[in-house]
Amino acid sequence: MITGHNADALERHLEGCGLTFIRNERYATTQMFDSAALGLNYLKDKCGRILFTPVDVPLDRARPHRFRSRACLPRLRRQARTSDTDHSKAR
């Protein structure tokens, strides 16, 4: 996963999910595809296929298994329930 803005918080949040983090230290002065190039360069010769999701939050809550490792699903489900509860209280 390529990180930049809020990298520390994002990496801490997803720690233990089996992800490799690559930081774009120049995120404030570069474009999204510069970050993509960092990731693609890292993956060169490491795999035959990749999933590229050009979004800030690559999680489809309806189908989280498509975007996260199965090891993270229980935690993500708990967080989603907590988040839904918190939002309903704020209304």
Protein backbone atom coordinates (compact mmCIF):
# COMPACT_ATOMS: atom_id res chain seq x y z
CA MET A 1 0.00 0.00 0.00
CA ILE A 2 1.32 3.40 -0.93
CA THR A 3 0.93 5.96 1.83
CA GLY A 4 1.55 9.67 2.02
CA HIS A 5 -0.86 11.99 3.79
CA ASN A 6 -1.66 10.57 7.26
CA ALA A 7 0.79 7.72 6.63
CA ASP A 8 1.59 7.14 10.31
CA ALA A 9 -2.08 6.77 11.28
CA LEU A 10 -2.95 4.61 8.29
CA GLU A 11 0.00 2.29 8.76
CA ARG A 12 -0.70 1.97 12.48
CA HIS A 13 -4.38 1.22 11.78
CA LEU A 14 -3.57 -1.53 9.27
CA GLU A 15 -0.61 -2.99 11.14
CA GLY A 16 -0.75 -6.77 11.21
CA CYS A 17 -2.85 -7.09 8.05
CA GLY A 18 -0.02 -8.48 5.97
CA LEU A 19 0.46 -5.32 3.93
CA THR A 20 3.69 -3.80 2.71
CA PHE A 21 3.74 -0.02 3.05
CA ILE A 22 5.66 2.22 0.70
CA ARG A 23 5.68 5.91 1.54
CA ASN A 24 5.55 8.67 -0.97
CA GLU A 25 7.41 11.22 1.11
CA ARG A 26 6.70 13.80 -1.60
CA TYR A 27 2.91 13.24 -1.66
CA ALA A 28 2.19 16.95 -1.17
CA THR A 29 4.03 17.94 -4.35
CA THR A 30 3.39 14.90 -6.58
CA GLN A 31 0.39 13.33 -8.30
CA MET A 32 -1.42 10.06 -7.56
CA PHE A 33 0.31 8.33 -10.45
CA ASP A 34 3.71 9.19 -8.97
CA SER A 35 2.63 7.16 -5.95
CA ALA A 36 1.41 4.39 -8.26
CA ALA A 37 4.82 4.35 -9.96
CA LEU A 38 6.49 3.83 -6.57
CA GLY A 39 4.31 0.81 -5.93
CA LEU A 40 4.68 -0.62 -9.42
CA ASN A 41 8.46 -0.26 -9.24
CA TYR A 42 8.42 -2.10 -5.92
CA LEU A 43 6.27 -4.91 -7.36
CA LYS A 44 8.36 -5.32 -10.50
CA ASP A 45 9.53 -8.94 -10.64
CA LYS A 46 7.63 -9.80 -7.43
CA CYS A 47 4.26 -10.87 -8.83
CA GLY A 48 2.33 -11.55 -12.00
CA ARG A 49 -0.82 -9.57 -11.16
CA ILE A 50 -1.77 -6.61 -9.02
CA LEU A 51 -4.93 -4.89 -7.83
CA PHE A 52 -4.67 -1.14 -8.28
CA THR A 53 -7.32 0.91 -6.48
CA PRO A 54 -6.79 4.63 -7.04
CA VAL A 55 -8.75 5.87 -4.06
CA ASP A 56 -8.01 7.19 -0.59
CA VAL A 57 -9.96 4.45 1.20
CA PRO A 58 -9.73 1.17 -0.75
CA LEU A 59 -12.46 -0.67 1.15
CA ASP A 60 -15.79 -1.71 -0.28
CA ARG A 61 -17.77 -2.25 2.93
CA ALA A 62 -20.28 -4.42 1.09
CA ARG A 63 -17.48 -6.77 -0.06
CA PRO A 64 -14.44 -6.23 2.18
CA HIS A 65 -12.95 -9.60 1.21
CA ARG A 66 -12.13 -8.15 -2.19
CA PHE A 67 -9.77 -5.53 -0.80
CA ARG A 68 -8.31 -6.77 2.46
CA SER A 69 -6.61 -9.91 3.61
CA ARG A 70 -8.86 -12.34 5.43
CA ALA A 71 -6.81 -11.84 8.59
CA CYS A 72 -8.11 -8.28 8.86
CA LEU A 73 -11.81 -9.04 8.31
CA PRO A 74 -12.87 -9.55 11.96
CA ARG A 75 -11.25 -6.26 13.00
CA LEU A 76 -12.71 -4.40 10.01
CA ARG A 77 -16.18 -5.75 10.77
CA ARG A 78 -15.93 -4.64 14.41
CA GLN A 79 -14.77 -1.20 13.30
CA ALA A 80 -17.59 -0.93 10.78
CA ARG A 81 -20.18 -1.81 13.44
CA THR A 82 -18.66 0.70 15.85
CA SER A 83 -18.50 3.35 13.15
CA ASP A 84 -22.14 2.74 12.18
CA THR A 85 -23.19 3.03 15.82
CA ASP A 86 -21.20 6.23 16.30
CA HIS A 87 -22.75 7.78 13.18
CA SER A 88 -26.28 6.89 14.24
CA LYS A 89 -25.74 8.58 17.61
CA ALA A 90 -24.56 11.76 15.89
CA ARG A 91 -27.75 12.14 13.85
